[in-house]
Amino acid sequence: MKKIFLVDDDEIFVFLTQRMIQKTNINVEVRIFNNGQDAFDCLGSITDQADQLPDVILLDLNMPVMDGWEFLEEYAAIHQSLAKKIRLYIVSSSISPYEIERSKGMDFVTDFIIKPLSKENFTEIIDNL
């Protein structure tokens, strides 16, 4: 079973994304975090446990406590020490060319997806694992 961390504070997006994932009939475990700090703390507690680490992180940029950019700064310092490679996708409603280009400058960011996350996007993410 693939593990996914969904890091987003938008309850409607989270609900719709969970429903969309269920409709794909792909067997995944989704853990929800409504801010980057909670997700980062969880990663920090399981860095050496490959079976507990997510296969995919879907990260929003605009959140309280620790936003997506702050999460990425912290993640940059630890991603190479994680017990397995994680595919990290930014999923944002932003269409800012600056933010898209900024994310492409981070070698550990797999892609930038503009919300909403479609069934096709999700299936492709899983197929690429």
N, C-alpha and C. Protein backbone atom coordinates (compact mmCIF):
# COMPACT_ATOMS: atom_id res chain seq x y z
N MET A 1 0.84 -1.18 0.00
CA MET A 1 0.00 0.00 0.00
C MET A 1 0.89 1.24 0.00
N LYS A 2 0.58 2.17 -0.89
CA LYS A 2 1.32 3.42 -0.97
C LYS A 2 0.81 4.37 0.11
N LYS A 3 1.75 5.18 0.63
CA LYS A 3 1.41 6.15 1.68
C LYS A 3 1.53 7.56 1.12
N ILE A 4 0.55 8.38 1.44
CA ILE A 4 0.52 9.76 0.97
C ILE A 4 0.33 10.68 2.15
N PHE A 5 1.13 11.74 2.20
CA PHE A 5 0.92 12.83 3.14
C PHE A 5 0.25 13.95 2.35
N LEU A 6 -0.94 14.35 2.75
CA LEU A 6 -1.65 15.48 2.16
C LEU A 6 -1.54 16.63 3.15
N VAL A 7 -0.79 17.66 2.78
CA VAL A 7 -0.50 18.77 3.68
C VAL A 7 -1.22 20.01 3.15
N ASP A 8 -2.39 20.29 3.72
CA ASP A 8 -3.22 21.37 3.22
C ASP A 8 -4.26 21.72 4.28
N ASP A 9 -4.49 23.00 4.49
CA ASP A 9 -5.45 23.43 5.50
C ASP A 9 -6.84 23.70 4.94
N ASP A 10 -7.02 23.56 3.65
CA ASP A 10 -8.31 23.81 3.02
C ASP A 10 -9.18 22.57 3.14
N GLU A 11 -10.14 22.60 4.06
CA GLU A 11 -10.96 21.43 4.35
C GLU A 11 -11.73 20.93 3.13
N ILE A 12 -12.18 21.85 2.30
CA ILE A 12 -12.93 21.45 1.10
C ILE A 12 -12.01 20.73 0.12
N PHE A 13 -10.81 21.28 -0.11
CA PHE A 13 -9.86 20.62 -1.00
C PHE A 13 -9.49 19.23 -0.47
N VAL A 14 -9.23 19.14 0.82
CA VAL A 14 -8.87 17.86 1.43
C VAL A 14 -10.00 16.85 1.24
N PHE A 15 -11.23 17.26 1.53
CA PHE A 15 -12.39 16.38 1.38
C PHE A 15 -12.53 15.91 -0.07
N LEU A 16 -12.49 16.85 -1.01
CA LEU A 16 -12.64 16.50 -2.42
C LEU A 16 -11.50 15.62 -2.92
N THR A 17 -10.30 15.88 -2.44
CA THR A 17 -9.15 15.07 -2.85
C THR A 17 -9.29 13.65 -2.32
N GLN A 18 -9.71 13.51 -1.08
CA GLN A 18 -9.93 12.17 -0.52
C GLN A 18 -11.00 11.42 -1.32
N ARG A 19 -12.07 12.09 -1.67
CA ARG A 19 -13.14 11.45 -2.47
C ARG A 19 -12.61 11.04 -3.84
N MET A 20 -11.85 11.92 -4.46
CA MET A 20 -11.29 11.62 -5.77
C MET A 20 -10.36 10.41 -5.68
N ILE A 21 -9.53 10.35 -4.64
CA ILE A 21 -8.61 9.21 -4.46
C ILE A 21 -9.40 7.92 -4.29
N GLN A 22 -10.47 7.97 -3.51
CA GLN A 22 -11.31 6.77 -3.33
C GLN A 22 -11.88 6.29 -4.65
N LYS A 23 -12.26 7.22 -5.52
CA LYS A 23 -12.86 6.86 -6.81
C LYS A 23 -11.85 6.23 -7.77
N THR A 24 -10.57 6.41 -7.52
CA THR A 24 -9.56 5.80 -8.39
C THR A 24 -9.41 4.31 -8.10
N ASN A 25 -9.90 3.87 -6.95
CA ASN A 25 -9.76 2.48 -6.50
C ASN A 25 -8.30 2.06 -6.37
N ILE A 26 -7.42 3.03 -6.16
CA ILE A 26 -6.02 2.73 -5.90
C ILE A 26 -5.87 2.60 -4.39
N ASN A 27 -5.21 1.54 -3.97
CA ASN A 27 -5.07 1.25 -2.55
C ASN A 27 -3.96 2.12 -1.95
N VAL A 28 -4.35 3.21 -1.29
CA VAL A 28 -3.40 4.12 -0.66
C VAL A 28 -3.86 4.47 0.74
N GLU A 29 -2.89 4.83 1.56
CA GLU A 29 -3.18 5.35 2.90
C GLU A 29 -2.85 6.83 2.88
N VAL A 30 -3.82 7.65 3.22
CA VAL A 30 -3.64 9.10 3.20
C VAL A 30 -3.62 9.63 4.62
N ARG A 31 -2.56 10.35 4.96
CA ARG A 31 -2.50 11.05 6.26
C ARG A 31 -2.65 12.54 5.97
N ILE A 32 -3.51 13.18 6.72
CA ILE A 32 -3.82 14.59 6.51
C ILE A 32 -3.10 15.43 7.57
N PHE A 33 -2.47 16.49 7.12
CA PHE A 33 -1.85 17.48 8.00
C PHE A 33 -2.35 18.84 7.55
N ASN A 34 -2.82 19.67 8.49
CA ASN A 34 -3.35 20.97 8.07
C ASN A 34 -2.34 22.10 8.20
N ASN A 35 -1.09 21.77 8.46
CA ASN A 35 -0.02 22.76 8.39
C ASN A 35 1.32 22.04 8.18
N GLY A 36 2.28 22.77 7.70
CA GLY A 36 3.57 22.18 7.42
C GLY A 36 4.32 21.71 8.65
N GLN A 37 4.11 22.36 9.77
CA GLN A 37 4.83 21.98 10.99
C GLN A 37 4.47 20.57 11.44
N ASP A 38 3.18 20.27 11.44
CA ASP A 38 2.76 18.93 11.86
C ASP A 38 3.33 17.86 10.93
N ALA A 39 3.31 18.13 9.62
CA ALA A 39 3.86 17.17 8.65
C ALA A 39 5.36 17.01 8.83
N PHE A 40 6.05 18.12 9.05
CA PHE A 40 7.50 18.06 9.22
C PHE A 40 7.87 17.33 10.51
N ASP A 41 7.14 17.59 11.58
CA ASP A 41 7.38 16.90 12.84
C ASP A 41 7.20 15.40 12.68
N CYS A 42 6.17 15.02 11.96
CA CYS A 42 5.93 13.59 11.72
C CYS A 42 7.10 12.99 10.93
N LEU A 43 7.51 13.66 9.87
CA LEU A 43 8.66 13.17 9.09
C LEU A 43 9.89 13.03 9.97
N GLY A 44 10.12 14.01 10.83
CA GLY A 44 11.29 13.98 11.70
C GLY A 44 11.28 12.80 12.66
N SER A 45 10.10 12.34 13.01
CA SER A 45 10.01 11.23 13.96
C SER A 45 10.15 9.86 13.30
N ILE A 46 10.12 9.82 11.96
CA ILE A 46 10.18 8.54 11.25
C ILE A 46 11.24 8.52 10.14
N THR A 47 12.23 9.40 10.21
CA THR A 47 13.21 9.53 9.13
C THR A 47 13.91 8.23 8.75
N ASP A 48 14.11 7.35 9.72
CA ASP A 48 14.84 6.11 9.45
C ASP A 48 13.92 4.90 9.30
N GLN A 49 12.61 5.13 9.19
CA GLN A 49 11.63 4.05 9.09
C GLN A 49 10.97 4.08 7.70
N ALA A 50 11.64 3.46 6.73
CA ALA A 50 11.17 3.51 5.35
C ALA A 50 9.72 3.06 5.20
N ASP A 51 9.31 2.07 5.98
CA ASP A 51 7.94 1.57 5.86
C ASP A 51 6.89 2.55 6.39
N GLN A 52 7.32 3.52 7.19
CA GLN A 52 6.40 4.52 7.74
C GLN A 52 6.40 5.82 6.93
N LEU A 53 7.48 6.06 6.19
CA LEU A 53 7.58 7.29 5.41
C LEU A 53 6.60 7.26 4.24
N PRO A 54 6.13 8.44 3.84
CA PRO A 54 5.21 8.46 2.69
C PRO A 54 5.97 8.22 1.39
N ASP A 55 5.24 7.74 0.40
CA ASP A 55 5.80 7.62 -0.94
C ASP A 55 5.65 8.96 -1.66
N VAL A 56 4.60 9.70 -1.29
CA VAL A 56 4.27 10.96 -1.93
C VAL A 56 3.86 11.98 -0.87
N ILE A 57 4.31 13.22 -1.06
CA ILE A 57 3.82 14.35 -0.27
C ILE A 57 3.14 15.30 -1.25
N LEU A 58 1.89 15.65 -0.95
CA LEU A 58 1.14 16.66 -1.70
C LEU A 58 1.08 17.89 -0.80
N LEU A 59 1.77 18.94 -1.18
CA LEU A 59 2.00 20.09 -0.31
C LEU A 59 1.38 21.37 -0.85
N ASP A 60 0.54 21.99 -0.04
CA ASP A 60 0.01 23.32 -0.36
C ASP A 60 1.04 24.36 0.06
N LEU A 61 0.96 25.54 -0.50
CA LEU A 61 1.91 26.59 -0.14
C LEU A 61 1.39 27.53 0.94
N ASN A 62 0.10 27.81 0.92
CA ASN A 62 -0.47 28.79 1.84
C ASN A 62 -1.21 28.10 2.97
N MET A 63 -0.53 28.07 4.15
CA MET A 63 -1.11 27.42 5.33
C MET A 63 -0.66 28.20 6.57
N PRO A 64 -1.38 28.01 7.68
CA PRO A 64 -0.95 28.64 8.93
C PRO A 64 0.20 27.86 9.56
N VAL A 65 0.75 28.40 10.60
CA VAL A 65 1.81 27.82 11.43
C VAL A 65 3.12 27.72 10.65
N MET A 66 3.22 26.80 9.71
CA MET A 66 4.37 26.69 8.82
C MET A 66 3.81 26.53 7.42
N ASP A 67 4.07 27.51 6.55
CA ASP A 67 3.54 27.41 5.20
C ASP A 67 4.39 26.47 4.35
N GLY A 68 3.96 26.27 3.12
CA GLY A 68 4.65 25.34 2.24
C GLY A 68 6.09 25.71 1.95
N TRP A 69 6.38 26.98 1.78
CA TRP A 69 7.76 27.41 1.51
C TRP A 69 8.66 27.14 2.71
N GLU A 70 8.14 27.40 3.91
CA GLU A 70 8.92 27.12 5.12
C GLU A 70 9.14 25.61 5.27
N PHE A 71 8.12 24.83 4.95
CA PHE A 71 8.26 23.37 4.98
C PHE A 71 9.38 22.95 4.02
N LEU A 72 9.37 23.51 2.83
CA LEU A 72 10.38 23.15 1.83
C LEU A 72 11.79 23.51 2.29
N GLU A 73 11.93 24.64 2.97
CA GLU A 73 13.24 25.01 3.52
C GLU A 73 13.72 23.98 4.53
N GLU A 74 12.85 23.55 5.41
CA GLU A 74 13.21 22.54 6.41
C GLU A 74 13.45 21.18 5.75
N TYR A 75 12.61 20.84 4.80
CA TYR A 75 12.71 19.56 4.11
C TYR A 75 14.04 19.47 3.35
N ALA A 76 14.49 20.58 2.79
CA ALA A 76 15.76 20.59 2.05
C ALA A 76 16.91 20.09 2.91
N ALA A 77 16.84 20.38 4.20
CA ALA A 77 17.92 19.99 5.11
C ALA A 77 17.89 18.52 5.48
N ILE A 78 16.74 17.86 5.33
CA ILE A 78 16.65 16.46 5.77
C ILE A 78 16.37 15.44 4.68
N HIS A 79 15.96 15.89 3.50
CA HIS A 79 15.45 14.93 2.51
C HIS A 79 16.47 13.86 2.12
N GLN A 80 17.75 14.19 2.13
CA GLN A 80 18.75 13.19 1.76
C GLN A 80 19.01 12.17 2.86
N SER A 81 18.62 12.50 4.08
CA SER A 81 18.84 11.56 5.19
C SER A 81 17.62 10.67 5.44
N LEU A 82 16.56 10.85 4.68
CA LEU A 82 15.38 10.01 4.84
C LEU A 82 15.66 8.59 4.34
N ALA A 83 15.02 7.62 4.95
CA ALA A 83 15.27 6.21 4.65
C ALA A 83 14.81 5.81 3.25
N LYS A 84 14.01 6.66 2.60
CA LYS A 84 13.64 6.39 1.21
C LYS A 84 13.35 7.71 0.51
N LYS A 85 13.40 7.66 -0.81
CA LYS A 85 13.11 8.85 -1.62
C LYS A 85 11.60 9.08 -1.64
N ILE A 86 11.22 10.30 -1.40
CA ILE A 86 9.81 10.69 -1.39
C ILE A 86 9.58 11.62 -2.58
N ARG A 87 8.51 11.38 -3.30
CA ARG A 87 8.15 12.27 -4.40
C ARG A 87 7.27 13.38 -3.82
N LEU A 88 7.73 14.61 -3.95
CA LEU A 88 7.05 15.76 -3.36
C LEU A 88 6.44 16.61 -4.47
N TYR A 89 5.14 16.82 -4.38
CA TYR A 89 4.42 17.64 -5.35
C TYR A 89 3.84 18.84 -4.64
N ILE A 90 4.06 20.01 -5.19
CA ILE A 90 3.37 21.19 -4.70
C ILE A 90 2.01 21.22 -5.41
N VAL A 91 0.95 21.32 -4.61
CA VAL A 91 -0.41 21.41 -5.16
C VAL A 91 -0.98 22.71 -4.63
N SER A 92 -1.09 23.68 -5.51
CA SER A 92 -1.44 25.03 -5.08
C SER A 92 -2.45 25.67 -6.02
N SER A 93 -3.21 26.61 -5.50
CA SER A 93 -4.11 27.37 -6.35
C SER A 93 -3.37 28.54 -7.02
N SER A 94 -2.13 28.74 -6.64
CA SER A 94 -1.33 29.82 -7.22
C SER A 94 -0.98 29.51 -8.67
N ILE A 95 -1.11 30.52 -9.51
CA ILE A 95 -0.66 30.39 -10.89
C ILE A 95 0.51 31.35 -11.15
N SER A 96 1.14 31.76 -10.07
CA SER A 96 2.26 32.70 -10.17
C SER A 96 3.45 32.04 -10.87
N PRO A 97 3.89 32.60 -11.99
CA PRO A 97 5.08 32.05 -12.66
C PRO A 97 6.30 32.06 -11.73
N TYR A 98 6.38 33.06 -10.86
CA TYR A 98 7.49 33.13 -9.91
C TYR A 98 7.50 31.91 -8.99
N GLU A 99 6.34 31.56 -8.43
CA GLU A 99 6.27 30.42 -7.52
C GLU A 99 6.55 29.11 -8.25
N ILE A 100 6.05 28.99 -9.46
CA ILE A 100 6.31 27.77 -10.24
C ILE A 100 7.80 27.64 -10.53
N GLU A 101 8.42 28.72 -10.95
CA GLU A 101 9.87 28.69 -11.24
C GLU A 101 10.68 28.46 -9.97
N ARG A 102 10.27 29.09 -8.88
CA ARG A 102 10.96 28.90 -7.60
C ARG A 102 10.95 27.43 -7.20
N SER A 103 9.82 26.78 -7.39
CA SER A 103 9.72 25.36 -7.01
C SER A 103 10.59 24.49 -7.92
N LYS A 104 10.71 24.86 -9.18
CA LYS A 104 11.53 24.07 -10.12
C LYS A 104 13.01 24.17 -9.78
N GLY A 105 13.38 25.18 -9.01
CA GLY A 105 14.77 25.32 -8.58
C GLY A 105 15.14 24.40 -7.43
N MET A 106 14.18 23.67 -6.92
CA MET A 106 14.41 22.73 -5.81
C MET A 106 14.42 21.32 -6.38
N ASP A 107 15.57 20.68 -6.35
CA ASP A 107 15.72 19.38 -7.01
C ASP A 107 14.86 18.27 -6.39
N PHE A 108 14.38 18.47 -5.19
CA PHE A 108 13.58 17.44 -4.52
C PHE A 108 12.08 17.64 -4.75
N VAL A 109 11.68 18.70 -5.45
CA VAL A 109 10.28 18.91 -5.81
C VAL A 109 10.05 18.24 -7.16
N THR A 110 9.13 17.29 -7.18
CA THR A 110 8.86 16.53 -8.40
C THR A 110 8.11 17.35 -9.43
N ASP A 111 7.09 18.09 -8.96
CA ASP A 111 6.29 18.88 -9.91
C ASP A 111 5.43 19.88 -9.14
N PHE A 112 4.90 20.84 -9.88
CA PHE A 112 3.99 21.86 -9.36
C PHE A 112 2.66 21.64 -10.06
N ILE A 113 1.64 21.32 -9.29
CA ILE A 113 0.31 21.06 -9.84
C ILE A 113 -0.63 22.16 -9.37
N ILE A 114 -1.35 22.75 -10.32
CA ILE A 114 -2.31 23.79 -9.97
C ILE A 114 -3.63 23.11 -9.61
N LYS A 115 -4.18 23.49 -8.44
CA LYS A 115 -5.43 22.92 -7.94
C LYS A 115 -6.55 23.16 -8.94
N PRO A 116 -7.50 22.25 -8.98
CA PRO A 116 -7.65 21.05 -8.17
C PRO A 116 -6.80 19.90 -8.72
N LEU A 117 -6.56 18.92 -7.87
CA LEU A 117 -5.85 17.72 -8.27
C LEU A 117 -6.86 16.80 -8.96
N SER A 118 -6.61 16.51 -10.22
CA SER A 118 -7.56 15.68 -10.97
C SER A 118 -7.27 14.20 -10.77
N LYS A 119 -8.24 13.41 -11.11
CA LYS A 119 -8.10 11.95 -11.05
C LYS A 119 -6.93 11.52 -11.95
N GLU A 120 -6.80 12.14 -13.10
CA GLU A 120 -5.73 11.82 -14.03
C GLU A 120 -4.37 12.17 -13.43
N ASN A 121 -4.27 13.38 -12.81
CA ASN A 121 -3.03 13.79 -12.14
C ASN A 121 -2.63 12.76 -11.09
N PHE A 122 -3.61 12.38 -10.26
CA PHE A 122 -3.33 11.46 -9.17
C PHE A 122 -2.89 10.10 -9.69
N THR A 123 -3.59 9.59 -10.67
CA THR A 123 -3.23 8.29 -11.25
C THR A 123 -1.82 8.34 -11.82
N GLU A 124 -1.48 9.42 -12.48
CA GLU A 124 -0.12 9.57 -13.03
C GLU A 124 0.93 9.61 -11.92
N ILE A 125 0.63 10.29 -10.83
CA ILE A 125 1.55 10.36 -9.69
C ILE A 125 1.82 8.93 -9.17
N ILE A 126 0.77 8.17 -8.98
CA ILE A 126 0.92 6.81 -8.46
C ILE A 126 1.64 5.92 -9.48
N ASP A 127 1.29 6.05 -10.74
CA ASP A 127 1.93 5.24 -11.79
C ASP A 127 3.43 5.52 -11.88
N ASN A 128 3.84 6.74 -11.52
CA ASN A 128 5.26 7.12 -11.61
C ASN A 128 6.09 6.67 -10.42
N LEU A 129 5.46 6.04 -9.43
CA LEU A 129 6.20 5.58 -8.26
C LEU A 129 7.06 4.38 -8.60
